[in-house]
Amino acid sequence: MNGIQETLIGGVAGGSSILVPALGELVGQRAGVVNLGMEGCMLSGALGAYATTVVTGSALVGLLGGLAAGALCGLLHSWLVVMRGADR
């Protein structure tokens, strides 16, 4: 493989991890909801997955930890915006 092919393959491999959250945000924006905290929730999920994997040594448990951390961050963000009116 030459350098151009490797660059294109790396771009597709690196970009596919952000594809699912981007599609989810697209659906949310089409519904009229703008979530400016999505990147923070993604970051907390990644940090939670890394920390859980390092502590337990299991990638599956790390995946579940990342899902839980991202979900808790999203739940906190939605509660602050909807119930507490933090967007005003």
Protein backbone atom coordinates (compact mmCIF):
# COMPACT_ATOMS: atom_id res chain seq x y z
CA MET A 1 0.00 0.00 0.00
CA ASN A 2 1.14 3.51 -0.66
CA GLY A 3 0.80 6.50 1.63
CA ILE A 4 -2.41 7.80 0.05
CA GLN A 5 -4.23 4.50 0.56
CA GLU A 6 -3.06 4.28 4.16
CA THR A 7 -4.22 7.83 4.80
CA LEU A 8 -7.66 7.15 3.35
CA ILE A 9 -8.02 3.89 5.28
CA GLY A 10 -6.97 5.66 8.50
CA GLY A 11 -9.47 8.44 7.87
CA VAL A 12 -12.34 6.01 7.41
CA ALA A 13 -11.31 3.95 10.44
CA GLY A 14 -10.92 7.04 12.62
CA GLY A 15 -14.07 8.74 11.40
CA SER A 16 -16.35 5.75 11.81
CA SER A 17 -16.14 6.00 15.62
CA ILE A 18 -17.77 9.44 15.52
CA LEU A 19 -20.36 8.44 12.90
CA VAL A 20 -22.95 6.94 15.27
CA PRO A 21 -23.02 9.89 17.73
CA ALA A 22 -23.10 12.32 14.81
CA LEU A 23 -26.09 10.53 13.31
CA GLY A 24 -27.82 10.58 16.70
CA GLU A 25 -27.22 14.30 17.03
CA LEU A 26 -28.51 14.81 13.49
CA VAL A 27 -31.78 13.10 14.40
CA GLY A 28 -32.03 15.22 17.54
CA GLN A 29 -31.41 18.45 15.67
CA ARG A 30 -34.01 17.55 13.05
CA ALA A 31 -36.46 17.14 15.94
CA GLY A 32 -35.62 20.65 17.12
CA VAL A 33 -33.30 19.83 20.02
CA VAL A 34 -29.75 21.17 20.01
CA ASN A 35 -27.51 19.35 22.46
CA LEU A 36 -24.37 21.41 22.98
CA GLY A 37 -23.19 19.02 25.68
CA MET A 38 -22.92 15.98 23.41
CA GLU A 39 -19.14 16.24 23.07
CA GLY A 40 -18.75 16.34 26.84
CA CYS A 41 -20.91 13.26 27.24
CA MET A 42 -18.85 11.46 24.61
CA LEU A 43 -15.66 12.47 26.39
CA SER A 44 -16.94 11.29 29.77
CA GLY A 45 -17.98 7.98 28.21
CA ALA A 46 -14.51 7.53 26.69
CA LEU A 47 -12.83 8.40 29.99
CA GLY A 48 -15.16 6.06 31.88
CA ALA A 49 -14.44 3.23 29.45
CA TYR A 50 -10.69 3.75 29.72
CA ALA A 51 -10.70 3.97 33.51
CA THR A 52 -12.94 0.92 33.89
CA THR A 53 -10.82 -1.12 31.49
CA VAL A 54 -7.60 -0.19 33.30
CA VAL A 55 -9.05 -1.06 36.71
CA THR A 56 -10.78 -4.32 35.75
CA GLY A 57 -8.58 -5.47 32.88
CA SER A 58 -11.65 -6.47 30.85
CA ALA A 59 -12.61 -4.70 27.64
CA LEU A 60 -16.25 -5.81 27.95
CA VAL A 61 -16.58 -4.36 31.44
CA GLY A 62 -14.83 -1.23 30.16
CA LEU A 63 -17.39 -0.94 27.39
CA LEU A 64 -20.21 -1.19 29.91
CA GLY A 65 -18.49 1.39 32.12
CA GLY A 66 -18.20 3.77 29.20
CA LEU A 67 -21.85 3.30 28.32
CA ALA A 68 -22.84 3.97 31.91
CA ALA A 69 -20.65 7.08 32.19
CA GLY A 70 -21.97 8.55 28.92
CA ALA A 71 -25.57 7.75 29.87
CA LEU A 72 -25.19 9.34 33.31
CA CYS A 73 -23.66 12.46 31.79
CA GLY A 74 -26.52 12.69 29.28
CA LEU A 75 -29.07 12.14 32.04
CA LEU A 76 -27.52 14.88 34.17
CA HIS A 77 -27.38 17.25 31.21
CA SER A 78 -31.00 16.61 30.26
CA TRP A 79 -32.15 17.08 33.87
CA LEU A 80 -30.28 20.37 34.14
CA VAL A 81 -31.74 21.68 30.88
CA VAL A 82 -35.31 20.40 31.13
CA MET A 83 -36.05 20.51 34.86
CA ARG A 84 -33.74 23.29 36.04
CA GLY A 85 -33.88 25.52 32.96
CA ALA A 86 -30.12 25.76 32.54
CA ASP A 87 -30.49 26.77 28.89
CA ARG A 88 -32.11 30.10 29.68
